Amino acid sequence: MLLCKQAEKGVPLQANQVDWLEDTDEEIDELKLEAHYIYMAKIQETTNNAVECDAERVALANLIENLILDTEENKKILKQLKKSNASLTQELKKCKSNLEESNTTRDSCLIALQSKQTELETYKTLIDRTVDQS
């Protein structure tokens, strides 16, 4: 550093000092160039990472949009299913009511039939007695 300052002030240097300074300048230039390449590589890497992040953001946004659309479609389907369920529940109530009515009618017919059967057996018994007495 002292040699650099002396050279800048115009102090005469010895030949070996001048050679050393030139070598040092070349090394410094090479180090600067290498540092520049490393810096440019880091900028490129950062740019690539930013592009990748942007692509991931776009993919994530698309995924979220698809999920929202799927959710809305599922809500529509759920609404249709609820309507169908209500309709089927109403139909089931009607069927149960008709079945209960049919069962009541069947029970009434069965009671009437049993009554007629009892009456018929009574007549048979009377006929049998009448035939036996004659």
Protein backbone atom coordinates (compact mmCIF):
# COMPACT_ATOMS: atom_id res chain seq x y z
CA MET A 1 0.00 0.00 0.00
CA LEU A 2 2.92 2.28 0.80
CA LEU A 3 4.41 1.61 -2.64
CA CYS A 4 1.06 2.47 -4.26
CA LYS A 5 0.93 5.78 -2.40
CA GLN A 6 4.52 6.61 -3.33
CA ALA A 7 3.84 5.82 -6.99
CA GLU A 8 0.77 8.04 -6.91
CA LYS A 9 2.82 10.94 -5.48
CA GLY A 10 5.42 10.52 -8.22
CA VAL A 11 8.18 9.18 -5.94
CA PRO A 12 10.64 7.18 -8.07
CA LEU A 13 10.52 3.42 -7.38
CA GLN A 14 13.14 0.75 -7.88
CA ALA A 15 12.66 -1.73 -10.75
CA ASN A 16 11.77 -4.62 -8.46
CA GLN A 17 9.18 -2.43 -6.68
CA VAL A 18 7.64 -1.44 -10.03
CA ASP A 19 7.50 -5.15 -11.07
CA TRP A 20 5.89 -6.05 -7.78
CA LEU A 21 3.30 -3.28 -8.16
CA GLU A 22 2.45 -4.44 -11.69
CA ASP A 23 2.04 -8.04 -10.50
CA THR A 24 -0.08 -6.84 -7.62
CA ASP A 25 -2.20 -4.73 -9.99
CA GLU A 26 -2.78 -7.80 -12.22
CA GLU A 27 -3.76 -9.87 -9.19
CA ILE A 28 -6.07 -7.11 -8.00
CA ASP A 29 -7.62 -6.89 -11.47
CA GLU A 30 -8.08 -10.66 -11.55
CA LEU A 31 -9.63 -10.59 -8.07
CA LYS A 32 -11.90 -7.75 -9.15
CA LEU A 33 -12.89 -9.68 -12.27
CA GLU A 34 -13.52 -12.85 -10.24
CA ALA A 35 -15.55 -10.85 -7.70
CA HIS A 36 -17.48 -9.31 -10.59
CA TYR A 37 -18.25 -12.79 -12.02
CA ILE A 38 -19.33 -14.04 -8.61
CA TYR A 39 -21.52 -10.94 -8.19
CA MET A 40 -23.09 -11.47 -11.64
CA ALA A 41 -23.68 -15.15 -10.85
CA LYS A 42 -25.42 -14.17 -7.61
CA ILE A 43 -27.58 -11.66 -9.51
CA GLN A 44 -28.48 -14.39 -12.04
CA GLU A 45 -29.26 -16.84 -9.25
CA THR A 46 -31.42 -14.24 -7.51
CA THR A 47 -33.22 -13.51 -10.80
CA ASN A 48 -33.79 -17.22 -11.36
CA ASN A 49 -35.13 -17.59 -7.83
CA ALA A 50 -37.45 -14.63 -8.38
CA VAL A 51 -38.72 -16.20 -11.64
CA GLU A 52 -39.25 -19.52 -9.86
CA CYS A 53 -41.08 -17.75 -7.04
CA ASP A 54 -43.28 -15.96 -9.56
CA ALA A 55 -44.06 -19.26 -11.28
CA GLU A 56 -44.89 -20.83 -7.92
CA ARG A 57 -47.12 -17.85 -7.05
CA VAL A 58 -48.97 -18.22 -10.36
CA ALA A 59 -49.37 -21.97 -9.83
CA LEU A 60 -50.60 -21.38 -6.28
CA ALA A 61 -53.04 -18.70 -7.47
CA ASN A 62 -54.37 -21.10 -10.11
CA LEU A 63 -54.73 -23.83 -7.51
CA ILE A 64 -56.63 -21.49 -5.17
CA GLU A 65 -58.89 -20.38 -8.03
CA ASN A 66 -59.63 -24.01 -8.90
CA LEU A 67 -60.39 -24.78 -5.26
CA ILE A 68 -62.78 -21.83 -5.11
CA LEU A 69 -64.51 -23.01 -8.30
CA ASP A 70 -64.70 -26.58 -6.94
CA THR A 71 -66.14 -25.25 -3.67
CA GLU A 72 -68.78 -23.26 -5.53
CA GLU A 73 -69.66 -26.31 -7.66
CA ASN A 74 -69.88 -28.45 -4.53
CA LYS A 75 -72.22 -25.89 -2.96
CA LYS A 76 -74.49 -26.09 -6.02
CA ILE A 77 -74.49 -29.89 -5.88
CA LEU A 78 -75.20 -29.81 -2.13
CA LYS A 79 -78.13 -27.47 -2.73
CA GLN A 80 -79.53 -29.83 -5.38
CA LEU A 81 -79.07 -32.79 -3.05
CA LYS A 82 -80.92 -30.97 -0.26
CA LYS A 83 -83.82 -30.29 -2.63
CA SER A 84 -83.87 -33.92 -3.72
CA ASN A 85 -83.70 -35.06 -0.11
CA ALA A 86 -86.66 -32.83 0.84
CA SER A 87 -88.66 -34.14 -2.11
CA LEU A 88 -87.85 -37.76 -1.26
CA THR A 89 -88.69 -37.17 2.40
CA GLN A 90 -92.10 -35.80 1.39
CA GLU A 91 -92.69 -38.76 -0.92
CA LEU A 92 -91.70 -41.17 1.84
CA LYS A 93 -94.23 -39.54 4.19
CA LYS A 94 -96.96 -40.02 1.56
CA CYS A 95 -95.98 -43.66 1.10
CA LYS A 96 -96.02 -44.26 4.86
CA SER A 97 -99.42 -42.60 5.11
CA ASN A 98 -100.77 -44.73 2.25
CA LEU A 99 -99.28 -47.84 3.82
CA GLU A 100 -100.84 -47.05 7.20
CA GLU A 101 -104.17 -46.45 5.46
CA SER A 102 -103.81 -49.75 3.59
CA ASN A 103 -102.92 -51.55 6.81
CA THR A 104 -105.96 -50.05 8.52
CA THR A 105 -108.18 -51.13 5.63
CA ARG A 106 -106.62 -54.60 5.67
CA ASP A 107 -107.15 -54.88 9.42
CA SER A 108 -110.79 -53.79 9.03
CA CYS A 109 -111.30 -56.35 6.26
CA LEU A 110 -109.65 -59.06 8.34
CA ILE A 111 -111.91 -58.30 11.32
CA ALA A 112 -114.97 -58.33 9.03
CA LEU A 113 -113.81 -61.59 7.47
CA GLN A 114 -113.28 -63.19 10.90
CA SER A 115 -116.72 -62.01 11.93
CA LYS A 116 -118.28 -63.54 8.80
CA GLN A 117 -116.33 -66.74 9.36
CA THR A 118 -117.65 -66.96 12.90
CA GLU A 119 -121.15 -66.28 11.62
CA LEU A 120 -120.72 -68.97 8.93
CA GLU A 121 -119.60 -71.52 11.48
CA THR A 122 -122.59 -70.65 13.62
CA TYR A 123 -124.89 -71.28 10.62
CA LYS A 124 -123.10 -74.53 9.88
CA THR A 125 -123.60 -75.66 13.40
CA LEU A 126 -127.31 -74.77 13.23
CA ILE A 127 -127.68 -76.56 9.89
CA ASP A 128 -125.94 -79.63 11.27
CA ARG A 129 -128.30 -79.68 14.29
CA THR A 130 -131.29 -79.21 12.06
CA VAL A 131 -130.22 -82.06 9.80
CA ASP A 132 -129.52 -84.27 12.82
CA GLN A 133 -132.97 -83.56 14.26
CA SER A 134 -134.83 -84.42 11.11
